[in-house]
């Protein structure tokens, strides 16, 4: 009997590779495309489009400075085809990675029947089973929702729309709004409650004033009807196509009547990624919780090691997050409730920041320090290098280092030294 992994997104693919490395016979079953939402319709697509937007914005910035001339036109259909071409190459590479550790990859829709998995007319009895079937966009009960677009439709558009309406107030809504604004569409965002609730208030203020200032944001607004070329809301009707960005739900139907589910229909697991049935594990978005690629990978590896007999648990204390905008927004928050004091840095002259200095748009960083032990508790950073900075700071926080310990590191300049060293000097 083999280990069987259902779903080849970040959790399942990395989990299957870990099983292969540990010498475990493993079958990886994928319904559609290897690499899951991240590569095929999620963060990698967002990053690819944002790279182009960033290039356009830099061109406009340099033109305003007077040393770069000439207009750039975007062929959106050609851009999307190049993204698809890159996706195909990456899928091939990621499948080879799975096969090179001895895994068998099968494409087809899996069905679970007790201790057997059926796919493409074949039946496989499993030693251990890992369910990592991911999630999908949540479609709210709005009249005309079939006329709306979701994030997976970004590459289906033939041209850049003149007007775009976005329902939702979280990360995905913000990232799509930023992309179309960069392409010079007229963009409206409608949040049922508050916009960017997960972001620190002062960081949100900077984002609204400096990064999303060409976007109309309507808070406490209900979407009432989606038409093909307009959106009717509680604040009026707005022309344009409509994207629905209202969160995600787990693809847990495969486990219905087989495993215990949470109230939101995600698969219930413990901190070893074990489900309610012995020898059955689950990881990634299908378990609810943090819907981030690095978390899915961590959960997949944890499940794999436990399946192979190496006991391990997951630790969610520090989960770094980011929002992909023209200037990345990154943050990490401790789950501990302690008394802190804050350091605020107007901007950092780190990587890719030099030409922002002329406009005064170098970013914003806020760091919360534990008053008792001087440990860093929370970091909110908006800068061209914030993704690297916050990842580095998360590592130091996880290791329990205080600001005195940071002096032991000699960094490359300009890089993360702009955060840790300036923070130390300002404290």
Protein backbone atom coordinates (compact mmCIF):
# COMPACT_ATOMS: atom_id res chain seq x y z
CA UNK A 1 0.00 0.00 0.00
CA UNK A 2 1.14 3.52 -0.79
CA UNK A 3 0.61 6.91 0.73
CA UNK A 4 -1.92 8.81 -1.35
CA UNK A 5 -2.06 12.59 -1.61
CA UNK A 6 -5.14 14.18 -3.20
CA UNK A 7 -4.52 17.68 -4.51
CA UNK A 8 -1.25 19.04 -5.94
CA UNK A 9 -1.37 22.59 -4.64
CA UNK A 10 1.31 23.90 -2.26
CA UNK A 11 0.26 21.61 0.62
CA UNK A 12 -0.14 18.42 -1.38
CA UNK A 13 2.76 18.87 -3.77
CA UNK A 14 5.30 19.79 -1.08
CA UNK A 15 3.88 17.15 1.24
CA UNK A 16 4.27 14.47 -1.43
CA UNK A 17 7.85 15.55 -2.11
CA UNK A 18 8.61 15.31 1.61
CA UNK A 19 7.15 11.79 1.66
CA UNK A 20 9.29 10.83 -1.31
CA UNK A 21 12.41 12.20 0.35
CA UNK A 22 11.61 10.12 3.42
CA UNK A 23 11.53 6.99 1.26
CA UNK A 24 7.75 6.59 1.30
CA UNK A 25 5.93 5.21 -1.74
CA UNK A 26 3.51 7.96 -2.72
CA UNK A 27 0.82 8.61 -5.31
CA UNK A 28 -0.10 12.25 -5.98
CA UNK A 29 -3.52 12.77 -7.58
CA UNK A 30 -4.46 16.10 -9.14
CA UNK A 31 -7.83 16.96 -10.69
CA UNK A 32 -6.66 19.75 -13.01
CA UNK A 33 -3.28 21.51 -12.82
CA UNK A 34 -0.31 20.83 -10.61
CA UNK A 35 0.69 23.68 -8.24
CA UNK A 36 -2.89 24.60 -7.36
CA UNK A 37 -4.45 28.03 -6.97
CA UNK A 38 -1.17 29.84 -6.28
CA UNK A 39 0.43 29.29 -9.68
CA UNK A 40 -2.62 28.81 -11.85
CA UNK A 41 -5.06 31.50 -10.75
CA UNK A 42 -3.85 33.13 -7.54
CA UNK A 43 -0.80 34.83 -6.16
CA UNK A 44 1.56 34.05 -9.06
CA UNK A 45 -0.88 35.55 -11.57
CA UNK A 46 -1.33 38.59 -9.33
CA UNK A 47 2.46 38.98 -9.00
CA UNK A 48 2.99 38.63 -12.76
CA UNK A 49 0.43 41.32 -13.56
CA UNK A 50 1.70 43.53 -10.76
CA UNK A 51 5.26 43.30 -12.15
CA UNK A 52 3.99 44.86 -15.37
CA UNK A 53 2.02 47.51 -13.47
CA UNK A 54 5.14 48.31 -11.42
CA UNK A 55 7.12 48.75 -14.65
CA UNK A 56 4.46 51.10 -16.02
CA UNK A 57 4.39 53.12 -12.81
CA UNK A 58 8.18 53.37 -12.77
CA UNK A 59 8.11 54.58 -16.38
CA UNK A 60 5.61 57.28 -15.42
CA UNK A 61 7.72 58.25 -12.40
CA UNK A 62 10.91 58.54 -14.45
CA UNK A 63 9.05 60.53 -17.09
CA UNK A 64 7.90 62.96 -14.40
CA UNK A 65 11.50 63.30 -13.25
CA UNK A 66 12.35 64.28 -16.81
CA UNK A 67 15.03 61.75 -17.76
CA UNK A 68 12.95 59.02 -19.46
CA UNK A 69 10.72 59.68 -22.44
CA UNK A 70 8.31 57.65 -24.53
CA UNK A 71 4.97 55.96 -24.01
CA UNK A 72 4.38 52.26 -23.35
CA UNK A 73 1.33 50.42 -24.64
CA UNK A 74 0.08 47.20 -23.07
CA UNK A 75 -1.22 44.31 -25.17
CA UNK A 76 -3.25 42.62 -22.44
CA UNK A 77 -4.12 39.52 -24.46
CA UNK A 78 -0.44 38.95 -25.33
CA UNK A 79 0.52 39.56 -21.69
CA UNK A 80 -1.94 36.89 -20.53
CA UNK A 81 -0.63 34.38 -23.07
CA UNK A 82 2.93 34.90 -21.80
CA UNK A 83 1.71 34.27 -18.26
CA UNK A 84 0.09 31.03 -19.45
CA UNK A 85 3.31 30.03 -21.20
CA UNK A 86 5.25 30.58 -17.97
CA UNK A 87 2.66 28.59 -16.03
CA UNK A 88 3.06 25.63 -18.39
CA UNK A 89 6.84 25.65 -17.87
CA UNK A 90 6.49 25.83 -14.11
CA UNK A 91 3.93 23.01 -14.04
CA UNK A 92 6.37 20.81 -15.95
CA UNK A 93 9.18 21.64 -13.52
CA UNK A 94 7.02 21.04 -10.46
CA UNK A 95 5.75 17.71 -11.78
CA UNK A 96 9.34 16.62 -12.44
CA UNK A 97 10.27 17.54 -8.88
CA UNK A 98 7.56 15.20 -7.61
CA UNK A 99 8.56 12.36 -9.91
CA UNK A 100 12.27 12.70 -9.21
CA UNK A 101 11.74 11.67 -5.57
CA UNK A 102 9.91 8.55 -6.71
CA UNK A 103 6.32 9.77 -6.61
CA UNK A 104 3.71 8.68 -9.14
CA UNK A 105 1.58 11.57 -10.44
CA UNK A 106 -1.94 10.83 -11.69
CA UNK A 107 -4.29 13.41 -13.23
CA UNK A 108 -7.97 12.77 -12.60
CA UNK A 109 -10.78 13.32 -10.09
CA UNK A 110 -10.33 11.22 -6.96
CA UNK A 111 -13.16 9.67 -4.96
CA UNK A 112 -12.74 8.24 -1.46
CA UNK A 113 -14.43 4.97 -0.60
CA UNK A 114 -13.43 4.02 2.93
CA UNK A 115 -9.80 2.91 2.85
CA UNK A 116 -9.68 3.07 -0.95
CA UNK A 117 -9.22 5.94 -3.39
CA UNK A 118 -10.70 5.62 -6.89
CA UNK A 119 -9.43 7.59 -9.87
CA UNK A 120 -9.76 7.06 -13.63
CA UNK A 121 -11.32 3.63 -13.10
CA UNK A 122 -8.50 2.39 -10.87
CA UNK A 123 -8.66 1.71 -7.13
CA UNK A 124 -5.80 2.22 -4.69
CA UNK A 125 -5.77 1.13 -1.07
CA UNK A 126 -3.83 3.63 1.01
CA UNK A 127 -1.50 3.27 3.97
CA UNK A 128 -1.98 6.96 4.79
CA UNK A 129 -4.11 9.54 3.02
CA UNK A 130 -3.50 13.29 2.77
CA UNK A 131 -6.38 15.47 1.54
CA UNK A 132 -5.15 18.81 0.23
CA UNK A 133 -7.89 19.83 -2.19
CA UNK A 134 -7.61 23.57 -1.49
CA UNK A 135 -10.40 26.10 -1.79
CA UNK A 136 -12.31 28.21 -4.28
CA UNK A 137 -13.76 31.74 -4.39
CA UNK A 138 -16.87 32.30 -2.32
CA UNK A 139 -19.77 33.56 -4.41
CA UNK A 140 -22.27 35.47 -2.25
CA UNK A 141 -26.00 35.37 -2.85
CA UNK A 142 -26.23 38.45 -5.07
CA UNK A 143 -28.70 38.81 -7.91
CA UNK A 144 -26.87 38.34 -11.23
CA UNK A 145 -23.76 36.81 -9.63
CA UNK A 146 -23.31 34.73 -12.79
CA UNK A 147 -22.36 37.97 -14.56
CA UNK A 148 -19.45 38.57 -12.21
CA UNK A 149 -15.80 37.66 -12.64
CA UNK A 150 -13.53 35.98 -10.10
CA UNK A 151 -9.75 36.02 -9.73
CA UNK A 152 -9.36 32.98 -11.98
CA UNK A 153 -10.88 35.02 -14.84
CA UNK A 154 -8.07 37.58 -14.87
CA UNK A 155 -6.38 35.83 -17.80
CA UNK A 156 -9.66 35.42 -19.72
CA UNK A 157 -10.08 39.12 -20.50
CA UNK A 158 -9.20 40.13 -24.06
CA UNK A 159 -8.41 43.74 -23.23
CA UNK A 160 -8.08 46.12 -20.31
CA UNK A 161 -11.58 47.21 -19.24
CA UNK A 162 -12.34 50.91 -19.01
CA UNK A 163 -14.33 50.54 -15.78
CA UNK A 164 -13.91 47.90 -13.07
CA UNK A 165 -16.04 47.32 -9.97
CA UNK A 166 -14.78 45.07 -7.20
CA UNK A 167 -16.91 43.56 -4.45
CA UNK A 168 -14.84 42.85 -1.34
CA UNK A 169 -12.53 44.59 1.08
CA UNK A 170 -9.69 42.15 1.70
CA UNK A 171 -6.33 41.33 0.17
CA UNK A 172 -7.55 39.87 -3.14
CA UNK A 173 -9.89 42.81 -3.77
CA UNK A 174 -7.07 45.26 -3.01
CA UNK A 175 -4.56 43.53 -5.27
CA UNK A 176 -6.93 43.34 -8.25
CA UNK A 177 -7.93 46.97 -7.73
CA UNK A 178 -4.26 47.99 -7.76
CA UNK A 179 -3.61 46.08 -11.00
CA UNK A 180 -6.44 47.63 -12.99
CA UNK A 181 -5.73 51.08 -11.57
CA UNK A 182 -2.14 50.68 -12.80
CA UNK A 183 -3.54 49.81 -16.23
CA UNK A 184 -5.51 53.08 -16.03
CA UNK A 185 -8.97 51.57 -15.61
CA UNK A 186 -11.47 53.48 -13.49
CA UNK A 187 -11.76 51.33 -10.36
CA UNK A 188 -14.40 51.22 -7.63
CA UNK A 189 -14.14 48.95 -4.58
CA UNK A 190 -17.18 48.12 -2.46
CA UNK A 191 -16.65 46.69 1.03
CA UNK A 192 -19.65 45.41 2.96
CA UNK A 193 -18.02 46.62 6.20
CA UNK A 194 -14.52 48.10 6.56
CA UNK A 195 -11.83 48.03 3.88
CA UNK A 196 -8.52 46.29 4.78
CA UNK A 197 -9.63 45.35 8.29
CA UNK A 198 -6.55 43.15 8.80
CA UNK A 199 -4.12 46.06 8.36
CA UNK A 200 -2.90 48.38 11.11
CA UNK A 201 -4.84 51.68 11.05
CA UNK A 202 -1.81 53.89 10.39
CA UNK A 203 -0.56 51.55 7.67
CA UNK A 204 -4.02 51.56 6.07
CA UNK A 205 -3.97 55.35 6.10
CA UNK A 206 -0.68 55.35 4.17
CA UNK A 207 -2.01 52.79 1.68
CA UNK A 208 -5.15 54.82 0.99
CA UNK A 209 -3.31 58.12 0.59
CA UNK A 210 -0.28 56.94 -1.37
CA UNK A 211 -0.89 53.57 -3.04
CA UNK A 212 -4.60 53.46 -3.79
CA UNK A 213 -5.30 57.16 -4.19
CA UNK A 214 -6.66 56.67 -7.74
CA UNK A 215 -9.20 54.09 -6.56
CA UNK A 216 -12.67 54.88 -5.22
CA UNK A 217 -13.30 52.88 -2.04
CA UNK A 218 -16.84 52.62 -0.66
CA UNK A 219 -17.10 51.13 2.82
CA UNK A 220 -20.31 49.83 4.46
CA UNK A 221 -21.81 49.31 1.01
CA UNK A 222 -23.95 46.38 -0.13
CA UNK A 223 -23.86 44.94 -3.63
CA UNK A 224 -27.46 44.41 -4.79
CA UNK A 225 -27.26 43.25 -8.41
CA UNK A 226 -24.48 42.43 -10.88
CA UNK A 227 -25.26 43.21 -14.51
CA UNK A 228 -23.00 42.42 -17.46
CA UNK A 229 -21.85 46.03 -17.74
CA UNK A 230 -22.66 47.55 -14.35
CA UNK A 231 -23.09 46.98 -10.63
CA UNK A 232 -26.05 48.16 -8.56
CA UNK A 233 -25.15 48.92 -4.94
CA UNK A 234 -26.76 50.56 -1.94
CA UNK A 235 -24.94 53.73 -3.03
CA UNK A 236 -26.04 53.71 -6.67
CA UNK A 237 -25.25 52.06 -9.99
CA UNK A 238 -21.71 51.97 -11.37
CA UNK A 239 -20.68 51.14 -14.94
CA UNK A 240 -18.14 48.44 -15.71
CA UNK A 241 -17.41 44.76 -15.26
CA UNK A 242 -17.55 43.37 -11.73
CA UNK A 243 -15.07 41.16 -9.90
CA UNK A 244 -16.29 39.20 -6.89
CA UNK A 245 -13.53 39.03 -4.25
CA UNK A 246 -15.35 38.00 -1.10
CA UNK A 247 -13.10 35.31 0.34
CA UNK A 248 -12.71 31.59 -0.21
CA UNK A 249 -14.43 28.38 0.82
CA UNK A 250 -12.86 24.91 1.23
CA UNK A 251 -13.13 22.19 -1.41
CA UNK A 252 -14.16 19.68 1.23
CA UNK A 253 -16.94 17.88 -0.64
CA UNK A 254 -14.62 14.89 -1.10
CA UNK A 255 -14.67 14.40 2.69
CA UNK A 256 -18.39 14.82 3.23
CA UNK A 257 -19.85 11.95 5.30
CA UNK A 258 -16.30 10.60 5.67
CA UNK A 259 -14.54 13.03 8.03
CA UNK A 260 -15.59 15.45 10.75
CA UNK A 261 -15.92 18.99 9.40
CA UNK A 262 -15.79 22.40 11.07
CA UNK A 263 -18.85 24.72 11.03
CA UNK A 264 -17.47 26.41 7.90
CA UNK A 265 -17.23 22.99 6.18
CA UNK A 266 -13.43 22.91 6.35
CA UNK A 267 -11.87 19.61 7.41
CA UNK A 268 -11.22 19.47 11.15
CA UNK A 269 -7.58 18.71 12.03
CA UNK A 270 -5.32 18.84 15.09
CA UNK A 271 -1.85 20.38 15.24
CA UNK A 272 -0.37 17.26 13.62
CA UNK A 273 -2.78 17.67 10.66
CA UNK A 274 -4.61 14.50 11.70
CA UNK A 275 -8.32 14.29 10.91
CA UNK A 276 -11.08 12.44 12.75
CA UNK A 277 -10.05 9.16 11.08
CA UNK A 278 -6.83 7.32 11.78
CA UNK A 279 -4.26 7.44 8.94
CA UNK A 280 -6.14 10.29 7.23
CA UNK A 281 -4.61 13.78 7.22
CA UNK A 282 -5.54 17.12 5.70
CA UNK A 283 -3.54 20.28 4.97
CA UNK A 284 -3.84 23.65 3.25
CA UNK A 285 -6.93 25.72 2.46
CA UNK A 286 -9.27 22.74 2.80
CA UNK A 287 -8.67 22.89 6.58
CA UNK A 288 -9.65 26.58 6.84
CA UNK A 289 -7.40 28.78 8.97
CA UNK A 290 -4.62 30.77 7.33
CA UNK A 291 -5.06 30.65 3.55
CA UNK A 292 -1.47 31.41 2.58
CA UNK A 293 0.90 29.40 0.40
CA UNK A 294 3.73 29.22 2.99
CA UNK A 295 1.27 28.00 5.64
CA UNK A 296 -0.06 25.35 3.23
CA UNK A 297 3.51 24.17 2.58
CA UNK A 298 4.23 24.03 6.33
CA UNK A 299 1.07 22.04 6.95
CA UNK A 300 1.81 19.70 4.04
CA UNK A 301 5.31 18.96 5.32
CA UNK A 302 3.99 18.46 8.87
CA UNK A 303 1.37 16.01 7.64
CA UNK A 304 3.94 14.14 5.54
CA UNK A 305 6.36 13.72 8.42
CA UNK A 306 3.65 12.43 10.70
CA UNK A 307 2.49 10.05 7.96
CA UNK A 308 6.06 8.74 7.76
CA UNK A 309 6.28 8.28 11.53
CA UNK A 310 8.25 11.40 12.43
CA UNK A 311 6.21 13.31 15.01
CA UNK A 312 5.79 17.03 14.33
CA UNK A 313 3.29 19.80 15.09
CA UNK A 314 2.58 23.12 13.38
CA UNK A 315 3.20 26.47 15.04
CA UNK A 316 1.03 29.41 13.96
CA UNK A 317 2.40 32.03 16.38
CA UNK A 318 4.05 34.21 13.73
CA UNK A 319 2.45 34.20 10.27
CA UNK A 320 3.86 36.88 7.94
CA UNK A 321 1.46 38.29 5.36
CA UNK A 322 1.75 40.57 2.36
CA UNK A 323 -0.42 42.52 -0.04
CA UNK A 324 1.05 42.80 -3.55
CA UNK A 325 0.76 46.45 -4.55
CA UNK A 326 3.05 48.79 -6.47
CA UNK A 327 4.90 49.08 -3.16
CA UNK A 328 4.47 45.81 -1.22
CA UNK A 329 2.65 45.90 2.11
CA UNK A 330 3.96 43.28 4.55
CA UNK A 331 3.22 42.56 8.19
CA UNK A 332 3.54 39.99 10.94
CA UNK A 333 1.58 40.04 14.19
CA UNK A 334 2.14 38.09 17.37
CA UNK A 335 -0.81 36.25 18.88
CA UNK A 336 0.34 37.28 22.38
CA UNK A 337 -1.53 40.04 24.22
CA UNK A 338 1.21 42.13 25.80
CA UNK A 339 1.86 45.80 26.48
CA UNK A 340 3.91 47.38 23.70
CA UNK A 341 5.32 50.69 22.56
CA UNK A 342 5.71 51.66 18.92
CA UNK A 343 8.49 52.87 16.68
CA UNK A 344 7.37 54.57 13.47
CA UNK A 345 9.73 55.15 10.55
CA UNK A 346 8.47 57.46 7.77
CA UNK A 347 10.34 55.60 5.03
CA UNK A 348 13.37 53.48 4.26
CA UNK A 349 16.07 54.20 1.69
CA UNK A 350 16.52 50.51 0.99
CA UNK A 351 16.44 48.50 -2.25
CA UNK A 352 14.48 50.11 -5.11
CA UNK A 353 13.70 53.17 -2.98
CA UNK A 354 16.16 55.70 -4.40
CA UNK A 355 13.87 57.30 -6.99
CA UNK A 356 10.96 57.40 -4.56
CA UNK A 357 12.81 59.86 -2.37
CA UNK A 358 12.17 62.75 -4.77
CA UNK A 359 8.41 62.25 -4.32
CA UNK A 360 8.61 61.48 -0.62
CA UNK A 361 7.00 58.07 -1.22
CA UNK A 362 9.57 55.84 0.44
CA UNK A 363 7.02 54.02 2.54
CA UNK A 364 6.06 53.57 6.15
CA UNK A 365 7.12 51.15 8.87
CA UNK A 366 5.70 50.61 12.35
CA UNK A 367 7.22 48.21 14.87
CA UNK A 368 5.67 47.28 18.23
CA UNK A 369 8.16 46.41 20.98
CA UNK A 370 7.31 44.38 24.09
CA UNK A 371 7.87 46.77 27.02
CA UNK A 372 8.90 43.99 29.36
CA UNK A 373 11.52 42.04 27.40
CA UNK A 374 12.17 44.30 24.37
CA UNK A 375 11.15 41.58 21.93
CA UNK A 376 9.56 42.63 18.66
CA UNK A 377 5.85 41.77 18.72
CA UNK A 378 4.41 43.26 15.52
CA UNK A 379 5.88 44.64 12.29
CA UNK A 380 3.99 46.60 9.63
CA UNK A 381 6.14 47.63 6.68
CA UNK A 382 5.36 49.37 3.40
CA UNK A 383 8.45 49.65 1.22
CA UNK A 384 9.91 48.18 -1.99
CA UNK A 385 11.78 45.62 0.13
CA UNK A 386 9.10 44.98 2.77
CA UNK A 387 8.51 41.33 1.77
CA UNK A 388 12.16 40.46 2.48
CA UNK A 389 12.33 42.72 5.53
CA UNK A 390 9.30 41.21 7.23
CA UNK A 391 10.33 37.64 6.41
CA UNK A 392 13.67 38.35 8.08
CA UNK A 393 12.04 40.02 11.07
CA UNK A 394 9.66 37.06 11.42
CA UNK A 395 12.63 34.73 11.70
CA UNK A 396 14.17 36.86 14.46
CA UNK A 397 10.83 37.04 16.27
CA UNK A 398 10.39 33.27 16.02
CA UNK A 399 13.84 32.77 17.52
CA UNK A 400 12.83 35.02 20.43
CA UNK A 401 15.60 37.55 19.82
CA UNK A 402 15.45 41.03 21.32
CA UNK A 403 16.96 44.15 19.79
CA UNK A 404 20.35 43.61 21.44
CA UNK A 405 20.66 40.27 19.65
CA UNK A 406 20.16 41.96 16.28
CA UNK A 407 23.63 43.52 16.60
CA UNK A 408 25.12 40.06 16.04
CA UNK A 409 24.04 40.15 12.40
CA UNK A 410 26.07 41.87 9.68
CA UNK A 411 23.74 42.47 6.76
CA UNK A 412 24.15 43.39 3.12
CA UNK A 413 23.33 47.01 2.39
CA UNK A 414 20.86 48.09 1.21
CA UNK A 415 18.66 45.30 2.52
CA UNK A 416 17.06 44.32 5.81
CA UNK A 417 19.49 46.51 7.75
CA UNK A 418 17.11 49.36 7.01
CA UNK A 419 14.60 47.79 9.40
CA UNK A 420 16.53 46.10 12.18
CA UNK A 421 19.38 48.60 12.54
CA UNK A 422 17.30 51.76 12.18
CA UNK A 423 14.76 50.29 14.61
CA UNK A 424 17.56 49.76 17.14
CA UNK A 425 18.92 53.29 16.70
CA UNK A 426 15.48 54.88 17.09
CA UNK A 427 14.40 52.93 20.17
